[in-house]
Amino acid sequence: MMININLPLHVTIIPDANRRWAKERGLAPWKGHEAGAENLKNILKVVKKLGIKHVSFWGSSLDNLIKRPLLEKRELLRIYKQYFEELIESEEVKESRIKIRVIGKWREQFPKSLIKVINRCLEQTKNYNGYNLTFLLAYSGDDEMLSAIQKMIADKINPQKVNGELLKSYLATKDLPPVDLLIRTGGEPHMSAGFMMWDIANSELYFTKTKWPDFSQEEFKKAIKEYSKRGRRFGG
């Protein structure tokens, strides 16, 4: 199935229901996270094939890392470490010049060994300009917005000079374009923790009951085709 349509520049994904997927199969929760990590590899293949330049992926909320059971948290961090180590060694990342970004409070929440691996990945890809893959880890949109406002206050910005462009420059997502299409899997059609609240203001939304580990390349293509048929309103 090939798609010859108007593509979104920036797609962001909320990959919900890994734990429910595992529970249905009598598996430990982190087995769902492992399956989800593998599925992301499948989806990124079709992203590249279609030519979508920006994908942002919500790997974990700040709450996830604070409130989840210790064993599950440890396993999740192990999965992250393995995933980023694979990105470092990936020939596809190098050949396609995929720039990796990581947004959130991961430096405050992650162990030093994982921080070192992520930093190596960021450094290795910092000058790439083919595709853009952003991970939101230990991320809260509410926290992002509050942090931006606090930084503006600390910088003694004149309130009369605050506009959308200035606010964007203080956000963690300052280097990303607005989100064109947001995909949320798992059957719960809502936003969470102010997720990228500035950047999704005019996004098209695609909600599916499919749990993330089962979200196939074909359903991703379906979401892109549906996006192409909608009329963008941009607040109108």
C-alpha atoms as a PDB file:
ATOM      1  CA  MET A   1       0.000   0.000   0.000  1.00  0.00           C
ATOM      2  CA  MET A   2       1.638   3.243  -1.142  1.00  0.00           C
ATOM      3  CA  ILE A   3       0.412   6.688  -0.218  1.00  0.00           C
ATOM      4  CA  ASN A   4       0.644   9.641  -2.581  1.00  0.00           C
ATOM      5  CA  ILE A   5      -1.034  12.344  -0.544  1.00  0.00           C
ATOM      6  CA  ASN A   6      -0.420  15.515   1.405  1.00  0.00           C
ATOM      7  CA  LEU A   7       1.786  14.410   4.283  1.00  0.00           C
ATOM      8  CA  PRO A   8       2.023  15.970   7.733  1.00  0.00           C
ATOM      9  CA  LEU A   9       5.386  17.529   8.505  1.00  0.00           C
ATOM     10  CA  HIS A  10       5.254  16.579  12.195  1.00  0.00           C
ATOM     11  CA  VAL A  11       3.513  13.542  13.673  1.00  0.00           C
ATOM     12  CA  THR A  12       3.507  12.899  17.403  1.00  0.00           C
ATOM     13  CA  ILE A  13       2.507   9.630  19.040  1.00  0.00           C
ATOM     14  CA  ILE A  14       1.088   8.827  22.473  1.00  0.00           C
ATOM     15  CA  PRO A  15       1.675   5.051  22.577  1.00  0.00           C
ATOM     16  CA  ASP A  16      -0.895   4.013  25.160  1.00  0.00           C
ATOM     17  CA  ALA A  17      -1.840   0.546  26.496  1.00  0.00           C
ATOM     18  CA  ASN A  18       1.471  -1.332  26.675  1.00  0.00           C
ATOM     19  CA  ARG A  19       0.643  -2.515  30.194  1.00  0.00           C
ATOM     20  CA  ARG A  20      -2.910  -3.537  29.286  1.00  0.00           C
ATOM     21  CA  TRP A  21      -1.539  -5.443  26.288  1.00  0.00           C
ATOM     22  CA  ALA A  22       0.785  -7.373  28.595  1.00  0.00           C
ATOM     23  CA  LYS A  23      -1.909  -8.019  31.207  1.00  0.00           C
ATOM     24  CA  GLU A  24      -4.240  -9.539  28.604  1.00  0.00           C
ATOM     25  CA  ARG A  25      -1.490 -12.028  27.824  1.00  0.00           C
ATOM     26  CA  GLY A  26      -0.607 -12.805  31.425  1.00  0.00           C
ATOM     27  CA  LEU A  27       2.767 -11.108  31.073  1.00  0.00           C
ATOM     28  CA  ALA A  28       4.711  -8.754  33.312  1.00  0.00           C
ATOM     29  CA  PRO A  29       4.026  -5.061  32.547  1.00  0.00           C
ATOM     30  CA  TRP A  30       7.488  -4.451  31.125  1.00  0.00           C
ATOM     31  CA  LYS A  31       6.883  -7.107  28.480  1.00  0.00           C
ATOM     32  CA  GLY A  32       4.351  -4.682  27.056  1.00  0.00           C
ATOM     33  CA  HIS A  33       6.989  -1.947  27.052  1.00  0.00           C
ATOM     34  CA  GLU A  34       9.408  -4.272  25.262  1.00  0.00           C
ATOM     35  CA  ALA A  35       6.778  -5.054  22.637  1.00  0.00           C
ATOM     36  CA  GLY A  36       6.046  -1.342  22.308  1.00  0.00           C
ATOM     37  CA  ALA A  37       9.724  -0.535  21.746  1.00  0.00           C
ATOM     38  CA  GLU A  38       9.891  -3.161  19.005  1.00  0.00           C
ATOM     39  CA  ASN A  39       6.767  -1.769  17.395  1.00  0.00           C
ATOM     40  CA  LEU A  40       8.250   1.708  17.281  1.00  0.00           C
ATOM     41  CA  LYS A  41      11.001   0.297  15.049  1.00  0.00           C
ATOM     42  CA  ASN A  42       8.297  -0.988  12.662  1.00  0.00           C
ATOM     43  CA  ILE A  43       6.473   2.335  12.582  1.00  0.00           C
ATOM     44  CA  LEU A  44       9.676   4.293  11.982  1.00  0.00           C
ATOM     45  CA  LYS A  45      10.330   2.188   8.897  1.00  0.00           C
ATOM     46  CA  VAL A  46       7.096   3.347   7.306  1.00  0.00           C
ATOM     47  CA  VAL A  47       7.681   6.920   8.527  1.00  0.00           C
ATOM     48  CA  LYS A  48      10.923   6.968   6.587  1.00  0.00           C
ATOM     49  CA  LYS A  49       9.348   5.297   3.551  1.00  0.00           C
ATOM     50  CA  LEU A  50       6.591   7.911   3.436  1.00  0.00           C
ATOM     51  CA  GLY A  51       9.032  10.771   3.932  1.00  0.00           C
ATOM     52  CA  ILE A  52       7.582  12.255   7.130  1.00  0.00           C
ATOM     53  CA  LYS A  53      10.336  14.511   8.469  1.00  0.00           C
ATOM     54  CA  HIS A  54       9.429  14.852  12.156  1.00  0.00           C
ATOM     55  CA  VAL A  55       8.149  12.222  14.588  1.00  0.00           C
ATOM     56  CA  SER A  56       7.843  12.803  18.325  1.00  0.00           C
ATOM     57  CA  PHE A  57       7.234   9.868  20.645  1.00  0.00           C
ATOM     58  CA  TRP A  58       6.074  10.089  24.262  1.00  0.00           C
ATOM     59  CA  GLY A  59       8.132   7.417  25.993  1.00  0.00           C
ATOM     60  CA  SER A  60       7.155   8.223  29.573  1.00  0.00           C
ATOM     61  CA  SER A  61       5.493  10.887  31.640  1.00  0.00           C
ATOM     62  CA  LEU A  62       7.054  12.342  34.772  1.00  0.00           C
ATOM     63  CA  ASP A  63       4.314  10.598  36.738  1.00  0.00           C
ATOM     64  CA  ASN A  64       5.181   7.234  35.148  1.00  0.00           C
ATOM     65  CA  LEU A  65       8.659   7.326  36.606  1.00  0.00           C
ATOM     66  CA  ILE A  66       7.620   8.593  40.016  1.00  0.00           C
ATOM     67  CA  LYS A  67       4.591   6.389  40.687  1.00  0.00           C
ATOM     68  CA  ARG A  68       5.265   3.098  38.882  1.00  0.00           C
ATOM     69  CA  PRO A  69       6.459   0.104  40.941  1.00  0.00           C
ATOM     70  CA  LEU A  70      10.248   0.011  41.352  1.00  0.00           C
ATOM     71  CA  LEU A  71      10.721  -3.229  39.403  1.00  0.00           C
ATOM     72  CA  GLU A  72       8.717  -1.960  36.451  1.00  0.00           C
ATOM     73  CA  LYS A  73      10.636   1.319  36.519  1.00  0.00           C
ATOM     74  CA  ARG A  74      13.953  -0.539  36.475  1.00  0.00           C
ATOM     75  CA  GLU A  75      12.853  -2.634  33.522  1.00  0.00           C
ATOM     76  CA  LEU A  76      11.613   0.421  31.649  1.00  0.00           C
ATOM     77  CA  LEU A  77      14.978   2.127  32.117  1.00  0.00           C
ATOM     78  CA  ARG A  78      16.715  -1.038  30.918  1.00  0.00           C
ATOM     79  CA  ILE A  79      14.594  -0.966  27.757  1.00  0.00           C
ATOM     80  CA  TYR A  80      15.504   2.693  27.186  1.00  0.00           C
ATOM     81  CA  LYS A  81      19.201   1.918  27.566  1.00  0.00           C
ATOM     82  CA  GLN A  82      19.017  -0.943  25.109  1.00  0.00           C
ATOM     83  CA  TYR A  83      17.025   1.125  22.619  1.00  0.00           C
ATOM     84  CA  PHE A  84      19.423   4.068  22.634  1.00  0.00           C
ATOM     85  CA  GLU A  85      22.431   1.766  22.387  1.00  0.00           C
ATOM     86  CA  GLU A  86      20.850   0.310  19.260  1.00  0.00           C
ATOM     87  CA  LEU A  87      20.283   3.799  17.857  1.00  0.00           C
ATOM     88  CA  ILE A  88      23.959   4.602  18.389  1.00  0.00           C
ATOM     89  CA  GLU A  89      24.990   1.546  16.376  1.00  0.00           C
ATOM     90  CA  SER A  90      22.231   1.835  13.770  1.00  0.00           C
ATOM     91  CA  GLU A  91      23.457   2.096  10.200  1.00  0.00           C
ATOM     92  CA  GLU A  92      20.014   3.359   9.189  1.00  0.00           C
ATOM     93  CA  VAL A  93      20.310   6.310  11.588  1.00  0.00           C
ATOM     94  CA  LYS A  94      23.670   7.174  10.041  1.00  0.00           C
ATOM     95  CA  GLU A  95      22.668   6.638   6.415  1.00  0.00           C
ATOM     96  CA  SER A  96      19.357   8.496   6.734  1.00  0.00           C
ATOM     97  CA  ARG A  97      20.946  11.178   8.957  1.00  0.00           C
ATOM     98  CA  ILE A  98      18.273  10.898  11.638  1.00  0.00           C
ATOM     99  CA  LYS A  99      18.656  13.575  14.285  1.00  0.00           C
ATOM    100  CA  ILE A 100      17.702  12.355  17.759  1.00  0.00           C
ATOM    101  CA  ARG A 101      16.311  14.698  20.385  1.00  0.00           C
ATOM    102  CA  VAL A 102      15.206  13.912  23.946  1.00  0.00           C
ATOM    103  CA  ILE A 103      12.877  16.241  25.845  1.00  0.00           C
ATOM    104  CA  GLY A 104      11.814  16.070  29.486  1.00  0.00           C
ATOM    105  CA  LYS A 105      13.372  15.743  32.926  1.00  0.00           C
ATOM    106  CA  TRP A 106      15.281  12.596  32.045  1.00  0.00           C
ATOM    107  CA  ARG A 107      18.565  14.008  33.317  1.00  0.00           C
ATOM    108  CA  GLU A 108      17.021  14.434  36.768  1.00  0.00           C
ATOM    109  CA  GLN A 109      15.219  11.065  36.764  1.00  0.00           C
ATOM    110  CA  PHE A 110      17.511   8.619  34.961  1.00  0.00           C
ATOM    111  CA  PRO A 111      20.604   6.831  36.296  1.00  0.00           C
ATOM    112  CA  LYS A 112      24.018   8.120  35.186  1.00  0.00           C
ATOM    113  CA  SER A 113      24.687   5.094  32.995  1.00  0.00           C
ATOM    114  CA  LEU A 114      21.541   5.752  30.941  1.00  0.00           C
ATOM    115  CA  ILE A 115      22.177   9.496  30.777  1.00  0.00           C
ATOM    116  CA  LYS A 116      25.625   8.746  29.369  1.00  0.00           C
ATOM    117  CA  VAL A 117      24.162   6.541  26.623  1.00  0.00           C
ATOM    118  CA  ILE A 118      21.507   9.109  25.674  1.00  0.00           C
ATOM    119  CA  ASN A 119      24.049  11.939  25.623  1.00  0.00           C
ATOM    120  CA  ARG A 120      26.248   9.889  23.318  1.00  0.00           C
ATOM    121  CA  CYS A 121      23.299   9.356  20.966  1.00  0.00           C
ATOM    122  CA  LEU A 122      22.453  13.073  20.977  1.00  0.00           C
ATOM    123  CA  GLU A 123      26.056  14.057  20.323  1.00  0.00           C
ATOM    124  CA  GLN A 124      26.455  11.544  17.505  1.00  0.00           C
ATOM    125  CA  THR A 125      23.369  12.774  15.627  1.00  0.00           C
ATOM    126  CA  LYS A 126      23.385  16.485  16.471  1.00  0.00           C
ATOM    127  CA  ASN A 127      24.424  17.570  12.980  1.00  0.00           C
ATOM    128  CA  TYR A 128      22.146  15.211  11.065  1.00  0.00           C
ATOM    129  CA  ASN A 129      19.413  16.813   8.991  1.00  0.00           C
ATOM    130  CA  GLY A 130      17.594  14.025   7.164  1.00  0.00           C
ATOM    131  CA  TYR A 131      14.824  13.071   9.577  1.00  0.00           C
ATOM    132  CA  ASN A 132      13.994  14.109  13.135  1.00  0.00           C
ATOM    133  CA  LEU A 133      13.094  11.671  15.907  1.00  0.00           C
ATOM    134  CA  THR A 134      12.208  13.196  19.271  1.00  0.00           C
ATOM    135  CA  PHE A 135      11.621  11.209  22.453  1.00  0.00           C
ATOM    136  CA  LEU A 136       9.696  12.738  25.336  1.00  0.00           C
ATOM    137  CA  LEU A 137      11.031  11.046  28.471  1.00  0.00           C
ATOM    138  CA  ALA A 138      10.069  11.932  32.041  1.00  0.00           C
ATOM    139  CA  TYR A 139       7.999  14.578  30.289  1.00  0.00           C
ATOM    140  CA  SER A 140       5.007  16.600  31.435  1.00  0.00           C
ATOM    141  CA  GLY A 141       3.476  19.304  29.268  1.00  0.00           C
ATOM    142  CA  ASP A 142       2.254  21.144  32.358  1.00  0.00           C
ATOM    143  CA  ASP A 143       5.801  21.155  33.704  1.00  0.00           C
ATOM    144  CA  GLU A 144       7.168  22.300  30.338  1.00  0.00           C
ATOM    145  CA  MET A 145       4.835  25.302  30.246  1.00  0.00           C
ATOM    146  CA  LEU A 146       5.458  26.274  33.873  1.00  0.00           C
ATOM    147  CA  SER A 147       9.224  25.992  33.362  1.00  0.00           C
ATOM    148  CA  ALA A 148       9.021  28.280  30.311  1.00  0.00           C
ATOM    149  CA  ILE A 149       7.118  30.919  32.280  1.00  0.00           C
ATOM    150  CA  GLN A 150       9.545  30.658  35.212  1.00  0.00           C
ATOM    151  CA  LYS A 151      12.513  31.135  32.854  1.00  0.00           C
ATOM    152  CA  MET A 152      10.906  34.235  31.324  1.00  0.00           C
ATOM    153  CA  ILE A 153      10.368  35.665  34.807  1.00  0.00           C
ATOM    154  CA  ALA A 154      13.973  34.864  35.753  1.00  0.00           C
ATOM    155  CA  ASP A 155      15.124  36.632  32.564  1.00  0.00           C
ATOM    156  CA  LYS A 156      13.000  39.664  33.544  1.00  0.00           C
ATOM    157  CA  ILE A 157      11.124  39.669  30.254  1.00  0.00           C
ATOM    158  CA  ASN A 158       8.835  42.663  29.851  1.00  0.00           C
ATOM    159  CA  PRO A 159       5.268  41.231  29.905  1.00  0.00           C
ATOM    160  CA  GLN A 160       4.339  43.578  27.045  1.00  0.00           C
ATOM    161  CA  LYS A 161       6.883  41.789  24.842  1.00  0.00           C
ATOM    162  CA  VAL A 162       5.574  38.295  25.497  1.00  0.00           C
ATOM    163  CA  ASN A 163       4.005  36.795  22.382  1.00  0.00           C
ATOM    164  CA  GLY A 164       3.654  33.363  20.859  1.00  0.00           C
ATOM    165  CA  GLU A 165       7.045  33.448  19.177  1.00  0.00           C
ATOM    166  CA  LEU A 166       8.824  34.387  22.395  1.00  0.00           C
ATOM    167  CA  LEU A 167       6.988  31.767  24.433  1.00  0.00           C
ATOM    168  CA  LYS A 168       7.895  29.086  21.885  1.00  0.00           C
ATOM    169  CA  SER A 169      11.567  30.019  22.217  1.00  0.00           C
ATOM    170  CA  TYR A 170      11.396  29.153  25.938  1.00  0.00           C
ATOM    171  CA  LEU A 171       9.724  25.774  25.472  1.00  0.00           C
ATOM    172  CA  ALA A 172      11.590  22.464  25.444  1.00  0.00           C
ATOM    173  CA  THR A 173      10.085  21.968  21.972  1.00  0.00           C
ATOM    174  CA  LYS A 174      11.542  25.229  20.639  1.00  0.00           C
ATOM    175  CA  ASP A 175      13.378  23.452  17.818  1.00  0.00           C
ATOM    176  CA  LEU A 176      10.336  21.487  16.643  1.00  0.00           C
ATOM    177  CA  PRO A 177       7.622  22.616  14.207  1.00  0.00           C
ATOM    178  CA  PRO A 178       3.966  22.621  15.302  1.00  0.00           C
ATOM    179  CA  VAL A 179       2.361  19.191  15.419  1.00  0.00           C
ATOM    180  CA  ASP A 180       0.205  18.447  12.377  1.00  0.00           C
ATOM    181  CA  LEU A 181      -1.119  15.059  13.487  1.00  0.00           C
ATOM    182  CA  LEU A 182      -1.332  13.520  16.953  1.00  0.00           C
ATOM    183  CA  ILE A 183      -1.946   9.780  17.185  1.00  0.00           C
ATOM    184  CA  ARG A 184      -3.050   8.193  20.452  1.00  0.00           C
ATOM    185  CA  THR A 185      -3.454   4.444  20.724  1.00  0.00           C
ATOM    186  CA  GLY A 186      -5.186   2.366  23.399  1.00  0.00           C
ATOM    187  CA  GLY A 187      -8.798   3.533  23.242  1.00  0.00           C
ATOM    188  CA  GLU A 188      -8.671   6.506  25.627  1.00  0.00           C
ATOM    189  CA  PRO A 189      -9.347   9.625  23.524  1.00  0.00           C
ATOM    190  CA  HIS A 190      -7.945  12.364  25.706  1.00  0.00           C
ATOM    191  CA  MET A 191      -4.789  14.401  26.272  1.00  0.00           C
ATOM    192  CA  SER A 192      -2.546  13.791  29.281  1.00  0.00           C
ATOM    193  CA  ALA A 193      -0.572  16.150  31.530  1.00  0.00           C
ATOM    194  CA  GLY A 194      -0.850  19.084  29.131  1.00  0.00           C
ATOM    195  CA  PHE A 195       0.941  17.091  26.447  1.00  0.00           C
ATOM    196  CA  MET A 196       2.806  19.496  24.118  1.00  0.00           C
ATOM    197  CA  MET A 197      -0.039  21.927  24.742  1.00  0.00           C
ATOM    198  CA  TRP A 198       1.413  24.797  22.706  1.00  0.00           C
ATOM    199  CA  ASP A 199       2.436  22.656  19.754  1.00  0.00           C
ATOM    200  CA  ILE A 200      -0.794  20.670  19.353  1.00  0.00           C
ATOM    201  CA  ALA A 201      -3.110  23.704  19.420  1.00  0.00           C
ATOM    202  CA  ASN A 202      -4.161  23.193  15.784  1.00  0.00           C
ATOM    203  CA  SER A 203      -3.296  19.515  15.384  1.00  0.00           C
ATOM    204  CA  GLU A 204      -5.492  16.913  13.778  1.00  0.00           C
ATOM    205  CA  LEU A 205      -6.193  14.078  16.228  1.00  0.00           C
ATOM    206  CA  TYR A 206      -6.345  10.359  15.515  1.00  0.00           C
ATOM    207  CA  PHE A 207      -7.590   8.079  18.296  1.00  0.00           C
ATOM    208  CA  THR A 208      -7.645   4.311  17.974  1.00  0.00           C
ATOM    209  CA  LYS A 209      -8.646   1.453  20.269  1.00  0.00           C
ATOM    210  CA  THR A 210      -5.654  -0.523  19.030  1.00  0.00           C
ATOM    211  CA  LYS A 211      -3.074  -0.969  21.767  1.00  0.00           C
ATOM    212  CA  TRP A 212       0.354   0.339  20.898  1.00  0.00           C
ATOM    213  CA  PRO A 213       2.158  -3.023  20.502  1.00  0.00           C
ATOM    214  CA  ASP A 214      -0.525  -4.002  17.935  1.00  0.00           C
ATOM    215  CA  PHE A 215      -0.546  -0.650  16.102  1.00  0.00           C
ATOM    216  CA  SER A 216       0.580  -1.797  12.674  1.00  0.00           C
ATOM    217  CA  GLN A 217       2.225  -0.071   9.768  1.00  0.00           C
ATOM    218  CA  GLU A 218      -1.069  -0.373   7.911  1.00  0.00           C
ATOM    219  CA  GLU A 219      -2.988   1.436  10.634  1.00  0.00           C
ATOM    220  CA  PHE A 220      -0.334   4.153  10.709  1.00  0.00           C
ATOM    221  CA  LYS A 221      -0.815   4.600   6.963  1.00  0.00           C
ATOM    222  CA  LYS A 222      -4.572   4.720   7.567  1.00  0.00           C
ATOM    223  CA  ALA A 223      -4.067   7.559  10.054  1.00  0.00           C
ATOM    224  CA  ILE A 224      -1.971   9.456   7.519  1.00  0.00           C
ATOM    225  CA  LYS A 225      -4.587   8.964   4.794  1.00  0.00           C
ATOM    226  CA  GLU A 226      -7.336  10.193   7.122  1.00  0.00           C
ATOM    227  CA  TYR A 227      -5.257  13.236   7.980  1.00  0.00           C
ATOM    228  CA  SER A 228      -4.882  14.045   4.285  1.00  0.00           C
ATOM    229  CA  LYS A 229      -8.667  14.089   3.811  1.00  0.00           C
ATOM    230  CA  ARG A 230      -9.400  16.548   6.591  1.00  0.00           C
ATOM    231  CA  GLY A 231      -9.625  20.285   6.104  1.00  0.00           C
ATOM    232  CA  ARG A 232      -7.227  22.062   8.458  1.00  0.00           C
ATOM    233  CA  ARG A 233      -9.060  24.808  10.351  1.00  0.00           C
ATOM    234  CA  PHE A 234      -6.288  26.376  12.442  1.00  0.00           C
ATOM    235  CA  GLY A 235      -8.693  27.699  15.047  1.00  0.00           C
ATOM    236  CA  GLY A 236     -11.294  28.891  12.550  1.00  0.00           C
END
